[in-house]
Amino acid sequence: MKQRKYCKPLAVSILTLAMSASGLFAELRLYLANRHDDTLARYDLDEASGDLTLRQTLKLEGQPAPMCVSPDERVLYVAQRKAEKVTALAISPKDGSLKVIAETDLPGKGGACYVSTDRSGRFLLSAYYAAGKVTVHRLNKNGAVGKGALQTVVTEQKAHCILTDYQNRLALVPHTGPNAVYQFRFDAKTGKLSPAKPAKHLPKETLSPRHVAFHPNEKFVYVVNEGSSSVTACRLKADAIHPIHTLSTLPKGFAERNSCADVEVHPSGKFLYCSNRGHDSIAMFTIDQKTARLTAIGQSATEEMPRSFNVDPTGKFLVAAGLRANKVTVYRIDQGTGKLKPLKTYETGKGPTWVQILKQKQDG
């Protein structure tokens, strides 16, 4: 893809000078797990142009894949599926560079396919696709994952994600095979999970729920459905999800093989994105702020097999990884329409599987 050049707007230049004078800078950092060559890459993401600059590559044995960042943005957690471990890495407040803190076992056939911290940053929650379970681990003061799970809950095979809502009271665990979303009450003091009422959301249709994304208004949640290539808009009520409607992520007339992977809500809460593997695109939607309903606004082409993508915390850019292409593409997000404009594509390590972006403030 041809690189596009941009001139830095005057307003951005003035803002940069002001931040420099105050000694405070904000930088976008992008972390990319390449599972097929066991590497973890760190990039700077230019907030004006969207350009990526590779700054660091670490070897991380055992197929690094799912990642998450602690709420205070001081620690990056990377699960290694083949090794059945998770590594905690300290994030330098100066430049975003990474340094290993500790490695902890996450035993379970096939390893953890998804990891997240609770909203307080005191616990690590993990979902296991092949083992059919979820676990909770305490996080130590230095950021390391405590040895031995505080709790292990057996669910069913193909548990694909675990994420707490913004109030840190509800944890959702979608399962693709059983066609269910397990619902747990989460105790933020103890880290313990207990069945919500109902303990499962069972879609009336065979949807294969895979990942979830919470809306910043704390009232809506969206479930991307792997096998049915669709996304379901839901309301949160009484510790349970209540579906409103389900829309296809594909254009009309597309009949080839496809499956969905990831879903994210834009930081503004106005837009939603899902990845299509097969059609090889990011499906784009607008969100009705009153009803949670979605309106499809098209698809933007990606590199082959977009398993993971991430919207940066400023909401300016979306970065999608083509797992089979060994490439990532940076898109600019139109703040009025939510549509994506491709800027540049970059070669990566082998098998880019997980993208994680943070905005880091630092003293200059």
Protein backbone atom coordinates (compact mmCIF):
# COMPACT_ATOMS: atom_id res chain seq x y z
CA MET A 1 0.00 0.00 0.00
CA LYS A 2 1.31 3.40 -0.98
CA GLN A 3 2.41 5.48 1.96
CA ARG A 4 0.44 8.67 2.38
CA LYS A 5 2.13 11.78 3.65
CA TYR A 6 0.53 14.29 5.96
CA CYS A 7 1.55 17.77 7.06
CA LYS A 8 1.30 18.37 10.77
CA PRO A 9 -1.57 20.80 11.40
CA LEU A 10 -0.74 24.11 13.09
CA ALA A 11 -3.00 23.27 16.03
CA VAL A 12 -1.07 20.07 16.65
CA SER A 13 2.23 21.94 16.50
CA ILE A 14 1.02 24.50 19.02
CA LEU A 15 -0.24 21.74 21.31
CA THR A 16 3.10 19.94 21.05
CA LEU A 17 4.97 23.12 22.02
CA ALA A 18 2.65 23.70 24.96
CA MET A 19 3.12 20.14 26.20
CA SER A 20 6.88 20.46 25.79
CA ALA A 21 6.90 23.65 27.83
CA SER A 22 4.94 21.98 30.63
CA GLY A 23 7.21 18.93 30.56
CA LEU A 24 4.27 16.58 29.89
CA PHE A 25 4.03 14.42 26.76
CA ALA A 26 1.44 11.89 25.64
CA GLU A 27 2.60 9.04 23.43
CA LEU A 28 0.74 6.22 21.72
CA ARG A 29 2.43 2.83 22.16
CA LEU A 30 1.48 -0.26 20.21
CA TYR A 31 2.32 -3.80 21.31
CA LEU A 32 2.03 -6.72 18.89
CA ALA A 33 2.22 -10.43 19.72
CA ASN A 34 3.53 -12.60 16.86
CA ARG A 35 2.70 -16.14 17.86
CA HIS A 36 4.37 -18.02 14.99
CA ASP A 37 7.88 -16.70 15.67
CA ASP A 38 7.49 -16.23 19.44
CA THR A 39 8.10 -12.49 19.43
CA LEU A 40 6.58 -9.45 21.10
CA ALA A 41 7.11 -6.14 19.28
CA ARG A 42 6.81 -2.58 20.59
CA TYR A 43 6.05 0.34 18.29
CA ASP A 44 5.53 4.06 18.64
CA LEU A 45 2.32 5.21 16.94
CA ASP A 46 2.56 8.83 15.81
CA GLU A 47 -0.56 10.64 16.99
CA ALA A 48 -0.50 13.09 14.08
CA SER A 49 0.37 10.91 11.08
CA GLY A 50 -0.47 7.40 12.28
CA ASP A 51 3.03 6.19 11.35
CA LEU A 52 4.37 3.14 13.18
CA THR A 53 8.03 2.94 14.25
CA LEU A 54 9.42 -0.34 15.57
CA ARG A 55 11.32 0.26 18.81
CA GLN A 56 11.80 -3.11 20.49
CA THR A 57 11.43 -6.84 19.82
CA LEU A 58 11.44 -9.42 22.62
CA LYS A 59 11.59 -13.19 22.38
CA LEU A 60 8.71 -14.79 24.25
CA GLU A 61 8.63 -18.57 23.88
CA GLY A 62 5.45 -20.60 23.68
CA GLN A 63 3.21 -18.76 21.19
CA PRO A 64 2.44 -15.36 22.72
CA ALA A 65 -1.08 -14.31 21.80
CA PRO A 66 -3.69 -12.72 24.09
CA MET A 67 -2.61 -9.54 25.86
CA CYS A 68 -3.99 -6.90 28.20
CA VAL A 69 -2.69 -3.80 29.96
CA SER A 70 -3.21 -3.03 33.65
CA PRO A 71 -5.58 -0.10 34.34
CA ASP A 72 -2.64 2.05 35.53
CA GLU A 73 -0.80 1.23 32.27
CA ARG A 74 2.30 0.05 34.13
CA VAL A 75 2.16 -3.65 33.25
CA LEU A 76 1.53 -5.63 30.07
CA TYR A 77 0.29 -9.21 30.43
CA VAL A 78 0.92 -11.70 27.63
CA ALA A 79 -0.37 -15.28 27.69
CA GLN A 80 1.73 -17.93 25.95
CA ARG A 81 -0.72 -20.58 24.82
CA LYS A 82 1.63 -23.43 23.93
CA ALA A 83 3.73 -22.88 27.06
CA GLU A 84 0.59 -22.52 29.24
CA LYS A 85 2.07 -19.47 30.94
CA VAL A 86 1.54 -15.73 31.30
CA THR A 87 4.34 -13.17 31.40
CA ALA A 88 4.04 -9.84 33.19
CA LEU A 89 6.19 -7.09 31.67
CA ALA A 90 6.86 -3.68 33.21
CA ILE A 91 6.08 -0.76 30.88
CA SER A 92 8.64 2.04 31.14
CA PRO A 93 6.93 5.37 31.87
CA LYS A 94 9.70 7.04 29.89
CA ASP A 95 9.40 5.38 26.50
CA GLY A 96 7.03 2.40 26.79
CA SER A 97 9.86 -0.14 26.65
CA LEU A 98 9.23 -3.55 28.19
CA LYS A 99 11.07 -5.53 30.86
CA VAL A 100 10.03 -8.96 32.12
CA ILE A 101 8.80 -8.97 35.72
CA ALA A 102 7.83 -12.61 36.12
CA GLU A 103 6.42 -15.65 34.35
CA THR A 104 3.55 -17.62 35.90
CA ASP A 105 1.95 -20.95 34.95
CA LEU A 106 -1.59 -20.88 33.55
CA PRO A 107 -2.17 -24.62 33.23
CA GLY A 108 -4.91 -25.85 30.94
CA LYS A 109 -4.96 -27.69 27.64
CA GLY A 110 -4.08 -25.22 24.91
CA GLY A 111 -3.34 -22.45 27.39
CA ALA A 112 -5.38 -19.29 27.99
CA CYS A 113 -6.97 -17.84 24.84
CA TYR A 114 -7.99 -14.58 26.56
CA VAL A 115 -6.72 -12.61 29.54
CA SER A 116 -7.97 -9.41 31.14
CA THR A 117 -7.56 -7.59 34.41
CA ASP A 118 -10.58 -6.58 36.43
CA ARG A 119 -11.30 -2.84 36.44
CA SER A 120 -9.37 -2.30 39.69
CA GLY A 121 -6.24 -4.03 38.40
CA ARG A 122 -6.07 -6.40 41.37
CA PHE A 123 -6.92 -9.64 39.54
CA LEU A 124 -6.16 -11.39 36.27
CA LEU A 125 -9.03 -13.29 34.65
CA SER A 126 -8.34 -15.95 32.00
CA ALA A 127 -10.49 -18.02 29.64
CA TYR A 128 -9.42 -21.42 28.23
CA TYR A 129 -10.83 -22.55 24.89
CA ALA A 130 -9.81 -26.23 24.90
CA ALA A 131 -9.87 -26.78 28.67
CA GLY A 132 -13.35 -25.25 29.03
CA LYS A 133 -12.78 -23.17 32.13
CA VAL A 134 -11.98 -19.74 33.54
CA THR A 135 -9.52 -18.81 36.29
CA VAL A 136 -8.84 -15.87 38.57
CA HIS A 137 -5.33 -15.00 39.79
CA ARG A 138 -4.29 -12.32 42.24
CA LEU A 139 -1.90 -9.67 40.96
CA ASN A 140 1.04 -8.83 43.21
CA LYS A 141 2.13 -5.28 44.04
CA ASN A 142 5.00 -5.48 41.55
CA GLY A 143 2.57 -6.49 38.81
CA ALA A 144 3.47 -10.19 38.74
CA VAL A 145 0.67 -12.76 38.47
CA GLY A 146 0.38 -14.68 41.72
CA LYS A 147 1.15 -18.39 41.59
CA GLY A 148 -1.83 -20.69 41.88
CA ALA A 149 -5.34 -19.66 40.89
CA LEU A 150 -7.60 -18.09 43.51
CA GLN A 151 -10.47 -19.79 41.72
CA THR A 152 -11.05 -22.15 38.82
CA VAL A 153 -14.54 -22.48 37.37
CA VAL A 154 -15.26 -25.28 34.91
CA THR A 155 -17.65 -24.10 32.20
CA GLU A 156 -17.66 -25.77 28.77
CA GLN A 157 -15.22 -26.12 25.90
CA LYS A 158 -14.65 -23.15 23.61
CA ALA A 159 -14.70 -20.49 26.31
CA HIS A 160 -13.33 -17.60 24.27
CA CYS A 161 -13.24 -14.44 26.38
CA ILE A 162 -13.69 -13.12 29.91
CA LEU A 163 -14.27 -9.45 30.63
CA THR A 164 -15.78 -7.47 33.51
CA ASP A 165 -18.16 -4.57 32.96
CA TYR A 166 -17.18 -0.98 33.80
CA GLN A 167 -18.78 -1.27 37.24
CA ASN A 168 -16.62 -4.34 37.93
CA ARG A 169 -19.63 -6.37 39.03
CA LEU A 170 -20.38 -8.63 36.07
CA ALA A 171 -18.04 -10.92 34.11
CA LEU A 172 -19.15 -12.29 30.74
CA VAL A 173 -17.67 -15.43 29.17
CA PRO A 174 -18.87 -16.18 25.63
CA HIS A 175 -18.56 -19.75 24.35
CA THR A 176 -18.63 -20.39 20.61
CA GLY A 177 -19.41 -24.13 20.59
CA PRO A 178 -22.10 -24.34 23.30
CA ASN A 179 -23.66 -21.15 21.83
CA ALA A 180 -23.80 -19.52 25.26
CA VAL A 181 -22.58 -16.53 27.22
CA TYR A 182 -21.84 -17.47 30.82
CA GLN A 183 -22.68 -14.69 33.27
CA PHE A 184 -20.88 -14.31 36.60
CA ARG A 185 -21.17 -11.90 39.46
CA PHE A 186 -17.69 -10.63 40.28
CA ASP A 187 -16.62 -9.73 43.84
CA ALA A 188 -14.07 -6.95 43.41
CA LYS A 189 -12.80 -7.43 46.99
CA THR A 190 -12.07 -11.14 46.85
CA GLY A 191 -11.82 -11.72 43.09
CA LYS A 192 -14.36 -14.54 43.31
CA LEU A 193 -16.85 -15.40 40.59
CA SER A 194 -20.36 -16.69 41.32
CA PRO A 195 -23.19 -17.53 38.91
CA ALA A 196 -25.43 -14.62 38.00
CA LYS A 197 -29.16 -15.04 37.45
CA PRO A 198 -29.47 -16.48 34.91
CA ALA A 199 -26.06 -18.17 34.88
CA LYS A 200 -26.14 -18.38 31.07
CA HIS A 201 -27.50 -16.35 28.22
CA LEU A 202 -28.62 -18.79 25.52
CA PRO A 203 -29.30 -17.14 22.15
CA LYS A 204 -32.43 -18.37 20.40
CA GLU A 205 -30.44 -18.78 17.19
CA THR A 206 -27.10 -20.56 16.69
CA LEU A 207 -24.81 -17.53 16.79
CA SER A 208 -21.53 -18.82 18.30
CA PRO A 209 -20.73 -15.87 20.61
CA ARG A 210 -16.97 -15.22 20.76
CA HIS A 211 -15.96 -11.82 22.22
CA VAL A 212 -17.73 -8.97 24.03
CA ALA A 213 -17.26 -5.20 24.23
CA PHE A 214 -18.86 -2.89 26.78
CA HIS A 215 -20.15 0.55 25.88
CA PRO A 216 -18.69 3.46 27.93
CA ASN A 217 -22.20 4.46 29.05
CA GLU A 218 -22.20 1.21 31.11
CA LYS A 219 -25.67 0.30 29.80
CA PHE A 220 -24.90 -1.49 26.52
CA VAL A 221 -22.79 -4.50 25.58
CA TYR A 222 -22.02 -5.99 22.17
CA VAL A 223 -21.32 -9.65 21.39
CA VAL A 224 -19.55 -10.65 18.18
CA ASN A 225 -20.63 -14.05 16.90
CA GLU A 226 -17.97 -16.19 15.25
CA GLY A 227 -19.86 -18.84 13.30
CA SER A 228 -22.82 -16.70 12.22
CA SER A 229 -20.71 -13.69 11.14
CA SER A 230 -22.85 -11.29 13.13
CA VAL A 231 -22.91 -8.93 16.09
CA THR A 232 -25.61 -8.68 18.77
CA ALA A 233 -26.50 -5.43 20.53
CA CYS A 234 -27.63 -5.93 24.14
CA ARG A 235 -28.69 -3.96 27.18
CA LEU A 236 -27.28 -4.67 30.63
CA LYS A 237 -30.00 -5.16 33.26
CA ALA A 238 -29.84 -6.83 36.66
CA ASP A 239 -26.48 -8.55 36.07
CA ALA A 240 -27.54 -10.05 32.75
CA ILE A 241 -27.49 -9.23 29.05
CA HIS A 242 -30.73 -8.66 27.14
CA PRO A 243 -30.46 -8.85 23.34
CA ILE A 244 -31.99 -6.11 21.20
CA HIS A 245 -31.09 -7.19 17.68
CA THR A 246 -28.44 -9.03 15.66
CA LEU A 247 -26.90 -7.75 12.42
CA SER A 248 -24.63 -9.40 9.84
CA THR A 249 -21.05 -8.18 9.60
CA LEU A 250 -20.92 -9.07 5.89
CA PRO A 251 -22.07 -7.25 2.76
CA LYS A 252 -25.17 -8.54 1.01
CA GLY A 253 -24.45 -11.31 -1.44
CA PHE A 254 -21.22 -12.54 0.14
CA ALA A 255 -21.54 -16.33 0.33
CA GLU A 256 -17.98 -17.51 0.90
CA ARG A 257 -16.62 -18.89 4.14
CA ASN A 258 -16.21 -16.34 6.95
CA SER A 259 -15.95 -16.14 10.73
CA CYS A 260 -15.80 -13.18 13.07
CA ALA A 261 -13.04 -12.69 15.63
CA ASP A 262 -12.94 -9.42 17.56
CA VAL A 263 -15.23 -6.53 18.50
CA GLU A 264 -14.54 -3.04 19.88
CA VAL A 265 -16.53 0.05 20.76
CA HIS A 266 -15.00 3.41 19.83
CA PRO A 267 -13.97 5.46 22.93
CA SER A 268 -16.68 8.01 22.05
CA GLY A 269 -19.31 5.27 22.17
CA LYS A 270 -20.56 6.31 18.72
CA PHE A 271 -19.13 3.51 16.60
CA LEU A 272 -18.51 -0.24 16.70
CA TYR A 273 -16.10 -2.45 14.74
CA CYS A 274 -15.86 -6.21 14.14
CA SER A 275 -13.28 -8.27 12.24
CA ASN A 276 -14.23 -10.65 9.42
CA ARG A 277 -11.93 -13.59 8.68
CA GLY A 278 -12.62 -14.81 5.16
CA HIS A 279 -14.11 -11.61 3.82
CA ASP A 280 -10.95 -10.08 5.35
CA SER A 281 -12.39 -6.80 6.51
CA ILE A 282 -13.41 -4.65 9.45
CA ALA A 283 -17.18 -4.27 9.62
CA MET A 284 -18.26 -0.78 10.70
CA PHE A 285 -21.40 0.30 12.56
CA THR A 286 -22.85 3.40 14.18
CA ILE A 287 -24.45 3.11 17.62
CA ASP A 288 -27.74 4.73 18.63
CA GLN A 289 -26.89 6.32 21.98
CA LYS A 290 -30.42 5.91 23.33
CA THR A 291 -31.39 2.45 22.15
CA ALA A 292 -28.00 0.65 21.62
CA ARG A 293 -29.16 -0.36 18.15
CA LEU A 294 -26.60 -0.64 15.37
CA THR A 295 -26.61 0.64 11.81
CA ALA A 296 -24.19 -0.98 9.35
CA ILE A 297 -22.02 1.48 7.41
CA GLY A 298 -19.94 -0.96 5.37
CA GLN A 299 -16.68 -2.90 5.52
CA SER A 300 -13.06 -1.77 5.16
CA ALA A 301 -10.63 -4.26 3.58
CA THR A 302 -7.78 -5.69 5.66
CA GLU A 303 -4.85 -8.02 5.12
CA GLU A 304 -5.61 -11.75 5.16
CA MET A 305 -7.16 -13.16 8.34
CA PRO A 306 -7.73 -10.14 10.64
CA ARG A 307 -7.92 -11.99 13.93
CA SER A 308 -7.12 -9.00 16.16
CA PHE A 309 -7.41 -5.24 15.94
CA ASN A 310 -7.42 -2.35 18.39
CA VAL A 311 -8.75 1.21 18.48
CA ASP A 312 -6.29 3.57 20.14
CA PRO A 313 -7.47 5.35 23.34
CA THR A 314 -7.73 8.72 21.54
CA GLY A 315 -10.11 7.19 19.01
CA LYS A 316 -8.11 8.48 16.04
CA PHE A 317 -6.73 5.20 14.71
CA LEU A 318 -7.60 1.54 14.31
CA VAL A 319 -4.79 -0.98 13.75
CA ALA A 320 -5.64 -4.42 12.33
CA ALA A 321 -3.32 -7.42 12.11
CA GLY A 322 -3.46 -9.82 9.16
CA LEU A 323 -2.55 -13.14 10.78
CA ARG A 324 -1.76 -14.97 7.52
CA ALA A 325 -0.26 -11.97 5.75
CA ASN A 326 2.24 -11.14 8.52
CA LYS A 327 1.23 -7.49 8.23
CA VAL A 328 -0.60 -4.76 10.13
CA THR A 329 -2.53 -1.85 8.65
CA VAL A 330 -3.14 1.52 10.30
CA TYR A 331 -6.47 3.22 9.56
CA ARG A 332 -7.59 6.74 10.38
CA ILE A 333 -11.09 6.89 11.90
CA ASP A 334 -13.41 9.60 10.57
CA GLN A 335 -14.71 11.21 13.76
CA GLY A 336 -17.97 12.19 12.12
CA THR A 337 -18.92 9.01 10.28
CA GLY A 338 -16.85 6.31 11.98
CA LYS A 339 -15.55 5.04 8.65
CA LEU A 340 -11.97 3.85 8.23
CA LYS A 341 -9.36 5.25 5.85
CA PRO A 342 -6.29 3.02 5.33
CA LEU A 343 -3.02 4.90 5.81
CA LYS A 344 -0.17 2.40 5.61
CA THR A 345 0.57 -1.32 5.87
CA TYR A 346 3.65 -2.70 7.66
CA GLU A 347 5.47 -6.03 7.58
CA THR A 348 5.57 -7.71 11.00
CA GLY A 349 6.81 -10.88 12.62
CA LYS A 350 5.14 -14.18 11.77
CA GLY A 351 1.55 -14.67 12.81
CA PRO A 352 0.54 -11.28 14.31
CA THR A 353 -2.22 -12.38 16.65
CA TRP A 354 -2.92 -9.62 19.16
CA VAL A 355 -2.79 -5.81 18.97
CA GLN A 356 -2.76 -3.63 22.10
CA ILE A 357 -2.45 0.17 22.10
CA LEU A 358 -2.11 2.52 25.05
CA LYS A 359 -1.72 6.27 25.44
CA GLN A 360 1.12 6.96 27.82
CA LYS A 361 1.77 10.21 29.62
CA GLN A 362 5.35 10.94 30.49
CA ASP A 363 7.47 13.71 31.94
CA GLY A 364 9.80 15.33 29.48
